[in-house]
Amino acid sequence: MFDFRIIDTVDGNQIIDRNLKTPYKALTPLQMVEYLEMDNRLAYMDRMERKARAEAERRRKIARNPIYKIACLCGLV
């Protein structure tokens, strides 16, 4: 079961709704390929988002470190 659903709009665009689930039995072989590709893309985007969030948290912790602030004042960083 996929944790999202691709919804086709009237104007030809597609919307990904992550609140709905899509069972495998409801898909044709062509749709299954499309869903597998989209699942891989969404997983990659989720990983990149987690990585960016962790990097921002790391930078925030470093910036609050008093030793880092002293190093900045001395011109070492």
C-alpha atoms as a PDB file:
ATOM      1  CA  MET A   1       0.000   0.000   0.000  1.00  0.00           C
ATOM      2  CA  PHE A   2       1.366   3.406  -0.968  1.00  0.00           C
ATOM      3  CA  ASP A   3       1.144   6.206   1.614  1.00  0.00           C
ATOM      4  CA  PHE A   4      -0.028   8.745  -0.953  1.00  0.00           C
ATOM      5  CA  ARG A   5      -2.453   9.120  -3.824  1.00  0.00           C
ATOM      6  CA  ILE A   6      -1.923  10.852  -7.158  1.00  0.00           C
ATOM      7  CA  ILE A   7      -5.035  12.796  -8.091  1.00  0.00           C
ATOM      8  CA  ASP A   8      -5.571  13.974 -11.674  1.00  0.00           C
ATOM      9  CA  THR A   9      -7.208  17.384 -11.994  1.00  0.00           C
ATOM     10  CA  VAL A  10      -9.473  18.548 -14.796  1.00  0.00           C
ATOM     11  CA  ASP A  11      -6.768  20.776 -16.327  1.00  0.00           C
ATOM     12  CA  GLY A  12      -4.321  17.853 -16.648  1.00  0.00           C
ATOM     13  CA  ASN A  13      -2.202  18.538 -13.577  1.00  0.00           C
ATOM     14  CA  GLN A  14      -1.547  15.959 -10.902  1.00  0.00           C
ATOM     15  CA  ILE A  15      -1.724  16.485  -7.141  1.00  0.00           C
ATOM     16  CA  ILE A  16      -0.031  14.245  -4.601  1.00  0.00           C
ATOM     17  CA  ASP A  17      -2.166  13.812  -1.488  1.00  0.00           C
ATOM     18  CA  ARG A  18      -0.166  12.294   1.360  1.00  0.00           C
ATOM     19  CA  ASN A  19      -3.251  11.980   3.586  1.00  0.00           C
ATOM     20  CA  LEU A  20      -4.750   9.219   1.442  1.00  0.00           C
ATOM     21  CA  LYS A  21      -3.427   5.706   0.880  1.00  0.00           C
ATOM     22  CA  THR A  22      -3.488   3.743  -2.372  1.00  0.00           C
ATOM     23  CA  PRO A  23      -3.767  -0.066  -2.330  1.00  0.00           C
ATOM     24  CA  TYR A  24      -1.706  -2.017  -4.859  1.00  0.00           C
ATOM     25  CA  LYS A  25      -4.779  -3.846  -6.175  1.00  0.00           C
ATOM     26  CA  ALA A  26      -6.376  -0.575  -7.285  1.00  0.00           C
ATOM     27  CA  LEU A  27      -3.579   0.226  -9.767  1.00  0.00           C
ATOM     28  CA  THR A  28      -2.999  -0.818 -13.351  1.00  0.00           C
ATOM     29  CA  PRO A  29       0.546  -1.894 -14.324  1.00  0.00           C
ATOM     30  CA  LEU A  30       1.239   1.507 -15.876  1.00  0.00           C
ATOM     31  CA  GLN A  31      -0.018   3.317 -12.774  1.00  0.00           C
ATOM     32  CA  MET A  32       2.091   0.992 -10.604  1.00  0.00           C
ATOM     33  CA  VAL A  33       5.232   2.113 -12.434  1.00  0.00           C
ATOM     34  CA  GLU A  34       4.214   5.748 -11.987  1.00  0.00           C
ATOM     35  CA  TYR A  35       3.510   5.220  -8.273  1.00  0.00           C
ATOM     36  CA  LEU A  36       6.826   3.411  -7.728  1.00  0.00           C
ATOM     37  CA  GLU A  37       8.737   6.253  -9.367  1.00  0.00           C
ATOM     38  CA  MET A  38       6.850   8.837  -7.312  1.00  0.00           C
ATOM     39  CA  ASP A  39       7.422   6.828  -4.134  1.00  0.00           C
ATOM     40  CA  ASN A  40      11.174   6.905  -4.790  1.00  0.00           C
ATOM     41  CA  ARG A  41      11.100  10.651  -5.444  1.00  0.00           C
ATOM     42  CA  LEU A  42       9.109  11.355  -2.287  1.00  0.00           C
ATOM     43  CA  ALA A  43      11.470   9.217  -0.206  1.00  0.00           C
ATOM     44  CA  TYR A  44      14.439  11.151  -1.622  1.00  0.00           C
ATOM     45  CA  MET A  45      12.768  14.507  -0.889  1.00  0.00           C
ATOM     46  CA  ASP A  46      11.985  13.377   2.673  1.00  0.00           C
ATOM     47  CA  ARG A  47      15.626  12.370   3.203  1.00  0.00           C
ATOM     48  CA  MET A  48      16.865  15.710   1.873  1.00  0.00           C
ATOM     49  CA  GLU A  49      14.425  17.588   4.123  1.00  0.00           C
ATOM     50  CA  ARG A  50      15.563  15.631   7.203  1.00  0.00           C
ATOM     51  CA  LYS A  51      19.188  16.252   6.271  1.00  0.00           C
ATOM     52  CA  ALA A  52      18.603  20.007   5.873  1.00  0.00           C
ATOM     53  CA  ARG A  53      16.722  20.153   9.166  1.00  0.00           C
ATOM     54  CA  ALA A  54      19.554  18.307  10.960  1.00  0.00           C
ATOM     55  CA  GLU A  55      22.144  20.650   9.429  1.00  0.00           C
ATOM     56  CA  ALA A  56      20.165  23.707  10.540  1.00  0.00           C
ATOM     57  CA  GLU A  57      19.916  22.279  14.054  1.00  0.00           C
ATOM     58  CA  ARG A  58      23.652  21.576  14.092  1.00  0.00           C
ATOM     59  CA  ARG A  59      24.441  25.139  12.974  1.00  0.00           C
ATOM     60  CA  ARG A  60      22.098  26.533  15.613  1.00  0.00           C
ATOM     61  CA  LYS A  61      23.820  24.539  18.345  1.00  0.00           C
ATOM     62  CA  ILE A  62      27.275  25.650  17.171  1.00  0.00           C
ATOM     63  CA  ALA A  63      26.223  29.303  17.018  1.00  0.00           C
ATOM     64  CA  ARG A  64      25.019  29.167  20.633  1.00  0.00           C
ATOM     65  CA  ASN A  65      28.276  27.604  21.843  1.00  0.00           C
ATOM     66  CA  PRO A  66      30.269  30.135  23.938  1.00  0.00           C
ATOM     67  CA  ILE A  67      33.623  28.782  22.710  1.00  0.00           C
ATOM     68  CA  TYR A  68      32.502  29.349  19.113  1.00  0.00           C
ATOM     69  CA  LYS A  69      31.503  32.927  19.970  1.00  0.00           C
ATOM     70  CA  ILE A  70      34.943  33.601  21.497  1.00  0.00           C
ATOM     71  CA  ALA A  71      36.622  32.107  18.422  1.00  0.00           C
ATOM     72  CA  CYS A  72      34.556  34.431  16.211  1.00  0.00           C
ATOM     73  CA  LEU A  73      35.563  37.460  18.281  1.00  0.00           C
ATOM     74  CA  CYS A  74      39.240  36.479  17.965  1.00  0.00           C
ATOM     75  CA  GLY A  75      38.892  36.041  14.206  1.00  0.00           C
ATOM     76  CA  LEU A  76      39.665  32.324  14.181  1.00  0.00           C
ATOM     77  CA  VAL A  77      36.467  31.335  12.405  1.00  0.00           C
END
